[in-house]
């Protein structure tokens, strides 16, 4: 059984080249193993409910998508997204 989709994805802070995100934890019958934050052509895998994404281009819009995965390798059926524009 896949984990529930992460919820309440928000930008907690940002600079011209980085963004900090947080979200509410997913739930799963075998336990959530981690989350993947995807954006543009990149992605970051984290174990907790927050991530700092660096190396972004100033004055550019990004859409960050968060998915959960469980210990069995199942991915959450839904994805939560947040969009932000980096400062010039």
Protein backbone atom coordinates (compact mmCIF):
# COMPACT_ATOMS: atom_id res chain seq x y z
CA UNK A 1 0.00 0.00 0.00
CA UNK A 2 1.53 3.39 -0.95
CA UNK A 3 1.97 6.21 1.55
CA UNK A 4 -0.39 9.14 1.62
CA UNK A 5 0.69 12.23 -0.29
CA UNK A 6 2.60 14.87 1.68
CA UNK A 7 0.45 17.90 2.47
CA UNK A 8 0.89 21.58 3.30
CA UNK A 9 4.02 22.09 1.19
CA UNK A 10 5.28 25.61 1.86
CA UNK A 11 8.33 27.78 1.19
CA UNK A 12 9.77 28.67 4.59
CA UNK A 13 12.57 30.92 3.28
CA UNK A 14 14.44 31.73 0.11
CA UNK A 15 17.42 33.61 -1.29
CA UNK A 16 18.35 34.39 -4.89
CA UNK A 17 19.89 30.90 -5.27
CA UNK A 18 18.20 28.67 -2.68
CA UNK A 19 14.85 27.79 -1.19
CA UNK A 20 13.82 26.04 2.02
CA UNK A 21 10.67 23.90 1.93
CA UNK A 22 8.66 22.07 4.55
CA UNK A 23 5.56 19.85 4.49
CA UNK A 24 3.37 17.69 6.69
CA UNK A 25 4.40 14.05 7.00
CA UNK A 26 2.84 11.27 4.97
CA UNK A 27 1.53 8.14 6.66
CA UNK A 28 1.99 4.53 5.64
CA UNK A 29 1.28 1.04 6.97
CA UNK A 30 4.98 -0.01 6.73
CA UNK A 31 6.49 3.39 7.46
CA UNK A 32 7.57 6.31 5.31
CA UNK A 33 11.21 5.90 4.23
CA UNK A 34 11.68 9.37 2.77
CA UNK A 35 10.64 12.06 0.35
CA UNK A 36 11.79 13.25 -3.06
CA UNK A 37 11.62 16.92 -3.98
CA UNK A 38 11.71 17.37 -7.76
CA UNK A 39 12.23 20.66 -9.59
CA UNK A 40 13.19 21.45 -13.18
CA UNK A 41 15.71 18.78 -14.13
CA UNK A 42 16.86 18.18 -10.54
CA UNK A 43 15.72 16.30 -7.49
CA UNK A 44 16.73 15.88 -3.86
CA UNK A 45 15.96 12.93 -1.60
CA UNK A 46 15.49 13.59 2.12
CA UNK A 47 14.43 11.54 5.11
CA UNK A 48 12.54 14.27 6.97
CA UNK A 49 9.81 16.78 6.22
CA UNK A 50 11.98 19.65 5.06
CA UNK A 51 14.60 20.34 2.41
CA UNK A 52 16.97 23.09 1.36
CA UNK A 53 17.48 23.29 -2.40
CA UNK A 54 20.57 25.22 -3.53
CA UNK A 55 22.16 26.09 -6.84
CA UNK A 56 19.05 27.76 -8.24
CA UNK A 57 19.17 30.48 -10.87
CA UNK A 58 18.23 34.02 -9.72
CA UNK A 59 15.11 35.60 -11.23
CA UNK A 60 13.72 32.21 -12.27
CA UNK A 61 10.46 30.47 -11.35
CA UNK A 62 10.60 26.92 -10.01
CA UNK A 63 7.89 24.37 -9.28
CA UNK A 64 8.81 22.00 -6.46
CA UNK A 65 7.00 18.66 -6.30
CA UNK A 66 7.14 16.46 -3.17
CA UNK A 67 6.41 12.72 -3.22
CA UNK A 68 6.70 10.18 -0.42
CA UNK A 69 8.04 6.63 -0.60
CA UNK A 70 7.67 3.82 1.88
CA UNK A 71 10.06 1.08 3.00
CA UNK A 72 8.64 -1.24 0.32
CA UNK A 73 9.43 1.27 -2.45
CA UNK A 74 5.85 2.39 -3.07
CA UNK A 75 5.36 6.04 -4.06
CA UNK A 76 2.56 8.27 -2.85
CA UNK A 77 -0.29 8.43 -5.40
CA UNK A 78 -0.55 12.19 -5.28
CA UNK A 79 2.07 14.87 -5.37
CA UNK A 80 2.05 18.23 -3.66
CA UNK A 81 3.55 21.23 -5.40
CA UNK A 82 4.59 24.75 -4.57
CA UNK A 83 5.90 27.38 -6.98
CA UNK A 84 8.22 30.25 -6.17
CA UNK A 85 10.27 32.80 -8.09
CA UNK A 86 13.87 33.42 -7.07
CA UNK A 87 14.88 37.02 -6.40
CA UNK A 88 17.02 38.78 -9.02
